[in-house]
Amino acid sequence: MTSAVPTSESPSIDKPPPSKAAVAKALGSAMIGNWFELFDFIIYGYFAAQIGRAMFPAADALTSILSSFATYGVGFVMRPVGSIVLGSLGDRLGRKVSLIITMFLMAVSTGVTGLIPSYAHIGYAAPIILVICRLLQGFAAGGEWGGATTFIVEYAPPNRRGLFGALQQLSTSLAVVSAVLTALLLNLILPAASVDAWGWRIPFLLGFLVAPVGFYLRAHVEDTPHYTAEGGDAPVRPLREALRHHGAAVATIFGSVIIWTVAGYTFGAFLVSFAIRILKVAPSIAYTGTLVGALANILVIPLAGFLSDKIGRKPFLMTSAGGFLILAYPLFAYMDHTRTGASVILTTAVAGVFSGLFSGVGPTFLCEQLPTRVRYTALSIGYNGAVMLFGGFAPFIATLLVQQTGSNIAPALYVMAAALTSFIVIAFTPDRFRNPSL
């Protein structure tokens, strides 16, 4: 699958390049928002069982977890809406404007999530408020990833785009580490009854405290050199232009992202509940496994991004998709056969490496398929469409596959189908890492 080559759009030579301090502030403002977004989504997955019991009482534990994961997935339904609204704002009024809005919306919805009374206290109002918060978070997240990615890559020197894009994605792995450590610490210091009753609320309230820092940074950073170089030539209808003139690129982004999002949420959010509830692995071991996977991710991401500026993006993307295609089934079979903490840790470590290969080059690879004029909108639509359909509901789908088939290995088939799809799309997409313009 191919798309039109982006036009040459280097920043105006009349304006000097941004200073190192300005670049550092831009990186920080984008990364902290991306960290905040993923911390919230990941921590929800880690406490899905507790949230399910608090908000969705049911006769059996699996049905309660399914209800919780369904609500988790509902937030992703709003991501394409957010990508259209906030992406269009970002292309018309500036990346900075949209990124400030996303930070505000995520802060409010995350804080309220930690304060919702349980079903036992307010009845059906509890799950209704929770769903509203997830919808609001999903709307904000729809503009966050595309905006933060566009912001960082457009600040990068031409020969460092891969590395800068990797740094943006590094913030998501740091969010996973933060979420895992928070969940692990709470499960170690609090009795299980306390975690169920009120402990699960703490991460949402702690995450809320970080929001003012991100809001301040985003309010005091300049917009990207590439966007300001466009001057008054902003598109009037970014969505229409993106779909009419760059529809092939949007489809390419959508297809490429499928394995990235499926693997991330399957081996991240789903695997913890899977290990604890189905494999009967101790919670501390399950969280440790996820931590190991995140650390492997952190080690691989910047290395892949750095090397991609020299040898290209596609080798890393295809190795990632191919690795998940070949190893997903053996890894799930190994976990089901041994049912040990060691098997969970090995699985998350392998998944962390392959996810890191994609994360290290994916943001830049996707940005390079689009011109500056509609990059925010087109990138957000393609990315969030795939995340909504395949990633957001991955924990729900994986849990449902186990329930309906009776096989604990069934989730691997979902990962393999996603990997094959993305592998084919990436194979037919040009690698534009040598193009000096974005």
Protein backbone atom coordinates (compact mmCIF):
# COMPACT_ATOMS: atom_id res chain seq x y z
CA MET A 1 0.00 0.00 0.00
CA THR A 2 1.48 3.29 -1.01
CA SER A 3 0.62 6.94 -0.64
CA ALA A 4 1.51 10.22 -2.24
CA VAL A 5 4.97 11.50 -1.38
CA PRO A 6 4.79 14.45 1.01
CA THR A 7 5.88 17.72 -0.48
CA SER A 8 9.08 19.41 0.57
CA GLU A 9 8.25 21.63 3.51
CA SER A 10 11.37 22.75 5.31
CA PRO A 11 11.03 25.58 7.85
CA SER A 12 11.63 29.07 6.49
CA ILE A 13 15.29 29.96 6.13
CA ASP A 14 14.45 33.48 7.37
CA LYS A 15 13.81 32.13 10.84
CA PRO A 16 16.69 30.60 12.84
CA PRO A 17 16.27 27.04 14.11
CA PRO A 18 14.91 26.67 17.64
CA SER A 19 17.42 26.79 20.49
CA LYS A 20 18.38 23.68 22.46
CA ALA A 21 16.35 25.01 25.39
CA ALA A 22 13.28 25.43 23.19
CA VAL A 23 13.70 21.90 21.80
CA ALA A 24 14.10 20.47 25.31
CA LYS A 25 10.94 22.26 26.48
CA ALA A 26 9.05 20.98 23.43
CA LEU A 27 10.16 17.42 24.11
CA GLY A 28 9.19 17.69 27.76
CA SER A 29 5.76 19.18 27.08
CA ALA A 30 4.88 16.48 24.55
CA MET A 31 6.30 13.57 26.53
CA ILE A 32 4.58 14.40 29.82
CA GLY A 33 1.17 14.50 28.17
CA ASN A 34 1.76 11.21 26.43
CA TRP A 35 2.94 9.73 29.75
CA PHE A 36 -0.21 10.98 31.46
CA GLU A 37 -2.50 9.51 28.81
CA LEU A 38 -1.00 6.04 28.85
CA PHE A 39 -0.55 5.90 32.63
CA ASP A 40 -4.28 6.36 33.00
CA PHE A 41 -5.22 3.75 30.40
CA ILE A 42 -2.70 1.18 31.63
CA ILE A 43 -3.53 1.59 35.31
CA TYR A 44 -7.19 0.97 34.51
CA GLY A 45 -6.25 -2.36 32.97
CA TYR A 46 -4.18 -3.35 36.01
CA PHE A 47 -7.09 -2.69 38.36
CA ALA A 48 -9.83 -3.92 36.02
CA ALA A 49 -10.89 -6.65 38.44
CA GLN A 50 -11.22 -4.22 41.37
CA ILE A 51 -13.03 -1.62 39.26
CA GLY A 52 -15.34 -4.33 37.95
CA ARG A 53 -16.29 -5.42 41.46
CA ALA A 54 -16.81 -1.82 42.59
CA MET A 55 -18.80 -0.61 39.59
CA PHE A 56 -20.27 -3.73 37.95
CA PRO A 57 -21.39 -6.31 40.53
CA ALA A 58 -21.94 -9.70 38.92
CA ALA A 59 -22.48 -13.30 39.90
CA ASP A 60 -19.07 -14.50 38.71
CA ALA A 61 -15.65 -12.85 38.60
CA LEU A 62 -15.09 -13.29 34.84
CA THR A 63 -18.34 -11.50 33.94
CA SER A 64 -17.39 -8.63 36.25
CA ILE A 65 -13.97 -8.35 34.58
CA LEU A 66 -15.60 -8.43 31.14
CA SER A 67 -17.85 -5.52 32.13
CA SER A 68 -14.84 -3.57 33.34
CA PHE A 69 -12.85 -4.27 30.18
CA ALA A 70 -15.88 -3.34 28.05
CA THR A 71 -15.93 0.06 29.77
CA TYR A 72 -12.18 0.26 29.18
CA GLY A 73 -12.85 -0.27 25.49
CA VAL A 74 -15.69 2.28 25.41
CA GLY A 75 -13.13 5.04 25.96
CA PHE A 76 -11.50 4.06 22.70
CA VAL A 77 -14.75 4.59 20.78
CA MET A 78 -14.33 8.33 21.28
CA ARG A 79 -10.73 8.40 20.10
CA PRO A 80 -11.59 8.82 16.39
CA VAL A 81 -13.99 11.64 17.33
CA GLY A 82 -11.24 13.33 19.32
CA SER A 83 -8.80 12.80 16.47
CA ILE A 84 -11.12 14.58 14.04
CA VAL A 85 -12.00 17.52 16.30
CA LEU A 86 -8.64 18.06 18.00
CA GLY A 87 -6.62 17.07 14.93
CA SER A 88 -8.47 19.62 12.81
CA LEU A 89 -7.90 22.28 15.46
CA GLY A 90 -4.21 21.39 15.53
CA ASP A 91 -3.86 21.78 11.76
CA ARG A 92 -5.91 24.98 11.61
CA LEU A 93 -4.90 26.83 14.80
CA GLY A 94 -1.65 25.16 15.83
CA ARG A 95 -0.44 22.00 17.54
CA LYS A 96 -0.05 23.82 20.85
CA VAL A 97 -3.73 24.76 21.13
CA SER A 98 -4.96 21.20 20.80
CA LEU A 99 -2.33 19.79 23.13
CA ILE A 100 -3.36 22.18 25.90
CA ILE A 101 -7.00 21.13 25.48
CA THR A 102 -6.14 17.41 25.64
CA MET A 103 -4.18 17.89 28.86
CA PHE A 104 -7.08 19.71 30.53
CA LEU A 105 -9.67 17.10 29.50
CA MET A 106 -7.53 14.17 30.59
CA ALA A 107 -6.84 15.77 33.95
CA VAL A 108 -10.52 16.34 34.75
CA SER A 109 -11.70 12.90 33.65
CA THR A 110 -8.87 11.07 35.41
CA GLY A 111 -9.44 12.90 38.70
CA VAL A 112 -13.18 12.22 38.65
CA THR A 113 -12.57 8.50 37.94
CA GLY A 114 -10.73 8.19 41.25
CA LEU A 115 -13.61 9.84 43.12
CA ILE A 116 -16.67 7.97 41.77
CA PRO A 117 -18.66 6.29 44.57
CA SER A 118 -19.16 2.56 44.12
CA TYR A 119 -22.26 0.77 42.85
CA ALA A 120 -23.12 -0.15 46.44
CA HIS A 121 -23.48 3.55 47.29
CA ILE A 122 -25.09 5.16 44.24
CA GLY A 123 -26.28 2.22 42.17
CA TYR A 124 -26.29 2.48 38.37
CA ALA A 125 -25.05 6.06 38.56
CA ALA A 126 -21.58 4.63 39.32
CA PRO A 127 -21.04 2.80 36.01
CA ILE A 128 -22.73 5.66 34.12
CA ILE A 129 -20.31 8.24 35.52
CA LEU A 130 -17.40 5.88 34.88
CA VAL A 131 -18.45 5.47 31.24
CA ILE A 132 -18.73 9.26 30.84
CA CYS A 133 -15.20 9.66 32.22
CA ARG A 134 -13.88 7.01 29.85
CA LEU A 135 -15.58 8.69 26.91
CA LEU A 136 -14.04 12.04 27.84
CA GLN A 137 -10.61 10.44 28.29
CA GLY A 138 -10.97 8.73 24.94
CA PHE A 139 -11.88 12.00 23.24
CA ALA A 140 -8.79 13.68 24.72
CA ALA A 141 -6.55 10.72 23.89
CA GLY A 142 -7.74 10.94 20.29
CA GLY A 143 -5.92 14.23 19.97
CA GLU A 144 -3.01 13.49 22.29
CA TRP A 145 -0.90 10.85 20.53
CA GLY A 146 -1.12 12.34 17.06
CA GLY A 147 -0.47 15.82 18.40
CA ALA A 148 2.45 14.87 20.63
CA THR A 149 4.02 12.78 17.86
CA THR A 150 3.60 15.52 15.27
CA PHE A 151 4.94 18.11 17.71
CA ILE A 152 8.14 16.23 18.52
CA VAL A 153 8.95 15.02 15.01
CA GLU A 154 8.39 18.50 13.57
CA TYR A 155 10.89 19.87 16.07
CA ALA A 156 13.52 17.30 15.07
CA PRO A 157 16.53 17.98 12.81
CA PRO A 158 16.15 16.03 9.52
CA ASN A 159 18.85 13.50 10.48
CA ARG A 160 17.42 12.92 13.98
CA ARG A 161 13.74 12.39 13.27
CA GLY A 162 13.88 8.72 14.17
CA LEU A 163 15.53 9.42 17.51
CA PHE A 164 13.13 12.24 18.38
CA GLY A 165 10.13 10.09 17.51
CA ALA A 166 11.56 7.35 19.71
CA LEU A 167 11.85 9.75 22.64
CA GLN A 168 8.17 10.55 22.28
CA GLN A 169 7.30 6.88 22.43
CA LEU A 170 9.74 6.34 25.28
CA SER A 171 7.35 8.34 27.45
CA THR A 172 4.72 5.64 26.97
CA SER A 173 7.08 2.96 28.26
CA LEU A 174 7.92 5.15 31.22
CA ALA A 175 4.18 5.38 31.83
CA VAL A 176 3.96 1.59 31.85
CA VAL A 177 6.83 1.39 34.36
CA SER A 178 5.14 4.02 36.52
CA ALA A 179 1.82 2.19 36.36
CA VAL A 180 3.39 -1.19 37.14
CA LEU A 181 5.37 0.15 40.08
CA THR A 182 2.29 1.89 41.43
CA ALA A 183 0.15 -1.24 41.13
CA LEU A 184 2.91 -3.44 42.55
CA LEU A 185 3.50 -1.13 45.51
CA LEU A 186 -0.20 -0.91 46.35
CA ASN A 187 -0.58 -4.69 46.23
CA LEU A 188 2.46 -5.11 48.49
CA ILE A 189 1.59 -2.57 51.18
CA LEU A 190 -2.21 -2.87 51.26
CA PRO A 191 -4.34 -5.89 52.12
CA ALA A 192 -6.34 -7.25 49.20
CA ALA A 193 -9.57 -6.06 50.83
CA SER A 194 -8.26 -2.49 51.01
CA VAL A 195 -7.15 -2.55 47.37
CA ASP A 196 -10.65 -3.68 46.41
CA ALA A 197 -12.38 -1.12 48.62
CA TRP A 198 -10.38 2.05 47.94
CA GLY A 199 -6.76 1.35 47.01
CA TRP A 200 -7.46 1.15 43.27
CA ARG A 201 -8.49 4.82 43.34
CA ILE A 202 -5.07 6.08 44.44
CA PRO A 203 -3.29 5.84 41.03
CA PHE A 204 -5.98 7.95 39.35
CA LEU A 205 -5.64 10.65 41.98
CA LEU A 206 -1.83 10.55 41.84
CA GLY A 207 -1.90 10.84 38.05
CA PHE A 208 -4.18 13.85 38.39
CA LEU A 209 -1.49 15.65 40.41
CA VAL A 210 0.92 15.52 37.43
CA ALA A 211 -1.49 17.35 35.12
CA PRO A 212 -0.65 20.93 36.22
CA VAL A 213 3.00 20.40 35.29
CA GLY A 214 2.11 19.28 31.79
CA PHE A 215 -0.42 22.07 31.40
CA TYR A 216 2.19 24.68 32.37
CA LEU A 217 4.81 23.32 29.97
CA ARG A 218 2.41 23.22 27.06
CA ALA A 219 1.17 26.74 27.72
CA HIS A 220 4.74 28.11 27.62
CA VAL A 221 6.19 26.38 24.56
CA GLU A 222 6.37 27.69 21.00
CA ASP A 223 4.59 25.90 18.19
CA THR A 224 6.69 23.74 15.85
CA PRO A 225 9.02 25.35 13.27
CA HIS A 226 7.37 23.40 10.46
CA TYR A 227 3.90 24.58 11.42
CA THR A 228 4.88 28.23 11.89
CA ALA A 229 6.68 28.14 8.53
CA GLU A 230 3.30 27.43 6.92
CA GLY A 231 2.21 30.93 7.93
CA GLY A 232 -1.41 31.63 7.05
CA ASP A 233 -1.65 28.65 4.70
CA ALA A 234 -3.50 26.43 7.17
CA PRO A 235 -6.14 24.16 5.61
CA VAL A 236 -9.74 25.30 5.96
CA ARG A 237 -11.08 21.73 6.13
CA PRO A 238 -8.24 19.47 7.31
CA LEU A 239 -10.41 16.35 7.53
CA ARG A 240 -11.71 16.66 3.98
CA GLU A 241 -8.23 17.40 2.63
CA ALA A 242 -6.67 14.53 4.57
CA LEU A 243 -9.17 11.97 3.31
CA ARG A 244 -9.47 13.28 -0.24
CA HIS A 245 -5.80 13.84 -1.03
CA HIS A 246 -4.03 11.59 1.48
CA GLY A 247 -6.51 8.77 1.98
CA ALA A 248 -3.96 6.13 0.98
CA ALA A 249 -1.55 7.39 3.63
CA VAL A 250 -4.30 7.32 6.27
CA ALA A 251 -5.10 3.72 5.29
CA THR A 252 -1.40 2.83 5.48
CA ILE A 253 -1.14 4.28 8.98
CA PHE A 254 -4.28 2.39 10.03
CA GLY A 255 -2.98 -0.95 8.77
CA SER A 256 0.55 -0.50 10.10
CA VAL A 257 -0.64 0.30 13.61
CA ILE A 258 -2.84 -2.78 14.08
CA ILE A 259 -0.16 -5.09 15.51
CA TRP A 260 1.38 -2.27 17.51
CA THR A 261 -1.83 -1.56 19.39
CA VAL A 262 -3.02 -5.18 19.68
CA ALA A 263 0.31 -6.36 21.06
CA GLY A 264 0.59 -3.40 23.41
CA TYR A 265 -2.78 -3.88 25.05
CA THR A 266 -2.75 -7.69 24.95
CA PHE A 267 0.67 -8.13 26.54
CA GLY A 268 0.16 -5.05 28.70
CA ALA A 269 -3.33 -4.47 30.07
CA PHE A 270 -4.76 -7.96 29.45
CA LEU A 271 -1.83 -10.13 30.50
CA VAL A 272 -1.82 -9.00 34.13
CA SER A 273 -5.45 -10.01 34.72
CA PHE A 274 -4.90 -13.15 32.62
CA ALA A 275 -1.91 -14.23 34.72
CA ILE A 276 -3.61 -13.52 38.06
CA ARG A 277 -7.15 -14.74 37.43
CA ILE A 278 -6.61 -17.58 34.96
CA LEU A 279 -3.02 -18.80 35.40
CA LYS A 280 -3.23 -18.19 39.19
CA VAL A 281 0.11 -16.40 39.27
CA ALA A 282 0.73 -14.17 42.27
CA PRO A 283 -0.14 -10.51 41.56
CA SER A 284 3.37 -9.35 42.52
CA ILE A 285 4.88 -11.75 39.96
CA ALA A 286 2.42 -10.69 37.25
CA TYR A 287 3.25 -7.03 37.78
CA THR A 288 6.96 -7.82 37.87
CA GLY A 289 6.62 -9.53 34.50
CA THR A 290 5.01 -6.45 33.01
CA LEU A 291 7.74 -4.31 34.54
CA VAL A 292 10.39 -6.48 32.89
CA GLY A 293 8.62 -6.10 29.55
CA ALA A 294 8.46 -2.33 29.94
CA LEU A 295 12.15 -2.14 30.85
CA ALA A 296 13.02 -4.20 27.77
CA ASN A 297 10.91 -1.77 25.78
CA ILE A 298 12.78 1.20 27.24
CA LEU A 299 16.14 -0.29 26.29
CA VAL A 300 15.12 -1.06 22.70
CA ILE A 301 13.14 2.08 21.78
CA PRO A 302 15.92 4.71 21.67
CA LEU A 303 18.36 2.28 20.05
CA ALA A 304 15.89 1.44 17.29
CA GLY A 305 15.11 5.12 16.74
CA PHE A 306 18.78 6.05 16.56
CA LEU A 307 19.65 3.26 14.13
CA SER A 308 16.60 3.97 11.96
CA ASP A 309 18.10 7.36 11.06
CA LYS A 310 20.97 5.42 9.48
CA ILE A 311 19.45 2.27 7.98
CA GLY A 312 15.73 3.03 7.68
CA ARG A 313 12.50 2.38 9.56
CA LYS A 314 11.06 -0.67 7.78
CA PRO A 315 13.60 -3.30 8.95
CA PHE A 316 12.55 -2.68 12.55
CA LEU A 317 8.82 -2.57 11.81
CA MET A 318 8.82 -5.80 9.81
CA THR A 319 10.95 -7.60 12.39
CA SER A 320 8.47 -6.56 15.06
CA ALA A 321 5.37 -7.70 13.16
CA GLY A 322 7.10 -10.91 12.03
CA GLY A 323 8.23 -11.69 15.55
CA PHE A 324 4.72 -11.45 16.97
CA LEU A 325 3.37 -13.55 14.10
CA ILE A 326 5.83 -16.38 14.78
CA LEU A 327 6.08 -16.30 18.58
CA ALA A 328 2.64 -15.30 19.91
CA TYR A 329 1.24 -18.83 19.91
CA PRO A 330 4.31 -20.55 21.43
CA LEU A 331 4.46 -17.93 24.19
CA PHE A 332 0.82 -18.35 25.20
CA ALA A 333 1.14 -22.15 24.98
CA TYR A 334 4.23 -21.99 27.21
CA MET A 335 2.43 -19.89 29.82
CA ASP A 336 -0.60 -22.17 29.81
CA HIS A 337 1.53 -25.29 30.10
CA THR A 338 3.84 -24.16 32.91
CA ARG A 339 1.60 -21.65 34.74
CA THR A 340 4.60 -20.11 36.44
CA GLY A 341 5.77 -16.59 37.08
CA ALA A 342 8.88 -17.31 35.01
CA SER A 343 6.79 -18.02 31.91
CA VAL A 344 4.88 -14.75 32.33
CA ILE A 345 8.11 -12.79 32.78
CA LEU A 346 9.69 -14.40 29.70
CA THR A 347 6.58 -13.66 27.62
CA THR A 348 6.44 -10.01 28.62
CA ALA A 349 10.19 -9.60 28.04
CA VAL A 350 9.95 -10.97 24.49
CA ALA A 351 6.88 -8.87 23.79
CA GLY A 352 8.69 -5.83 25.20
CA VAL A 353 11.57 -6.27 22.76
CA PHE A 354 9.35 -6.65 19.70
CA SER A 355 7.09 -3.78 20.77
CA GLY A 356 10.19 -1.66 21.34
CA LEU A 357 11.33 -2.24 17.77
CA PHE A 358 8.03 -0.86 16.51
CA SER A 359 7.76 1.95 19.06
CA GLY A 360 11.27 3.15 18.33
CA VAL A 361 10.54 3.94 14.67
CA GLY A 362 6.75 3.87 14.31
CA PRO A 363 5.99 7.51 15.20
CA THR A 364 8.50 8.90 12.71
CA PHE A 365 7.66 6.36 9.99
CA LEU A 366 3.99 7.34 10.16
CA CYS A 367 4.71 11.09 10.21
CA GLU A 368 6.91 10.74 7.13
CA GLN A 369 3.92 9.51 5.12
CA LEU A 370 2.18 12.91 5.44
CA PRO A 371 2.69 16.63 4.67
CA THR A 372 2.69 19.26 7.41
CA ARG A 373 -0.63 20.82 6.32
CA VAL A 374 -2.81 17.92 7.49
CA ARG A 375 -0.35 15.77 9.43
CA TYR A 376 -2.04 16.16 12.81
CA THR A 377 -5.50 15.26 11.47
CA ALA A 378 -4.47 12.44 9.12
CA LEU A 379 -2.05 10.86 11.59
CA SER A 380 -4.62 10.99 14.41
CA ILE A 381 -7.41 9.48 12.31
CA GLY A 382 -5.34 6.58 11.00
CA TYR A 383 -3.73 5.80 14.33
CA ASN A 384 -6.81 6.16 16.53
CA GLY A 385 -9.03 4.25 14.13
CA ALA A 386 -6.80 1.21 14.53
CA VAL A 387 -6.45 1.70 18.28
CA MET A 388 -10.23 1.92 18.69
CA LEU A 389 -11.09 -1.14 16.62
CA PHE A 390 -8.23 -3.46 17.50
CA GLY A 391 -6.33 -2.22 20.55
CA GLY A 392 -8.88 -0.70 22.90
CA PHE A 393 -11.02 -3.81 22.87
CA ALA A 394 -8.04 -6.21 22.84
CA PRO A 395 -8.36 -7.04 26.57
CA PHE A 396 -12.10 -7.61 26.14
CA ILE A 397 -11.64 -9.69 22.98
CA ALA A 398 -8.83 -11.75 24.53
CA THR A 399 -10.89 -12.41 27.67
CA LEU A 400 -13.94 -13.29 25.58
CA LEU A 401 -11.90 -15.70 23.43
CA VAL A 402 -10.79 -17.55 26.56
CA GLN A 403 -14.36 -17.65 27.89
CA GLN A 404 -15.97 -18.81 24.64
CA THR A 405 -13.35 -21.31 23.43
CA GLY A 406 -12.22 -22.66 26.78
CA SER A 407 -8.64 -22.33 25.53
CA ASN A 408 -6.14 -20.13 27.31
CA ILE A 409 -4.07 -19.97 24.12
CA ALA A 410 -6.86 -18.41 22.03
CA PRO A 411 -5.69 -14.77 22.53
CA ALA A 412 -2.55 -15.63 20.55
CA LEU A 413 -4.65 -16.09 17.41
CA TYR A 414 -5.84 -12.50 17.65
CA VAL A 415 -2.26 -11.27 17.97
CA MET A 416 -1.15 -13.38 15.00
CA ALA A 417 -3.95 -12.08 12.74
CA ALA A 418 -3.01 -8.50 13.64
CA ALA A 419 0.68 -9.19 13.01
CA LEU A 420 0.07 -10.68 9.57
CA THR A 421 -2.09 -7.73 8.52
CA SER A 422 0.45 -5.12 9.58
CA PHE A 423 3.37 -7.05 8.10
CA ILE A 424 1.73 -7.01 4.66
CA VAL A 425 0.85 -3.30 4.84
CA ILE A 426 4.34 -2.26 5.95
CA ALA A 427 5.98 -4.41 3.26
CA PHE A 428 4.23 -2.38 0.55
CA THR A 429 4.81 1.05 2.14
CA PRO A 430 7.79 3.19 1.04
CA ASP A 431 10.46 4.05 3.60
CA ARG A 432 11.08 7.81 3.44
CA PHE A 433 13.76 8.12 6.07
CA ARG A 434 16.20 9.68 3.58
CA ASN A 435 13.76 12.43 2.61
CA PRO A 436 15.23 15.61 4.21
CA SER A 437 11.79 17.22 4.47
CA LEU A 438 8.78 16.01 6.37
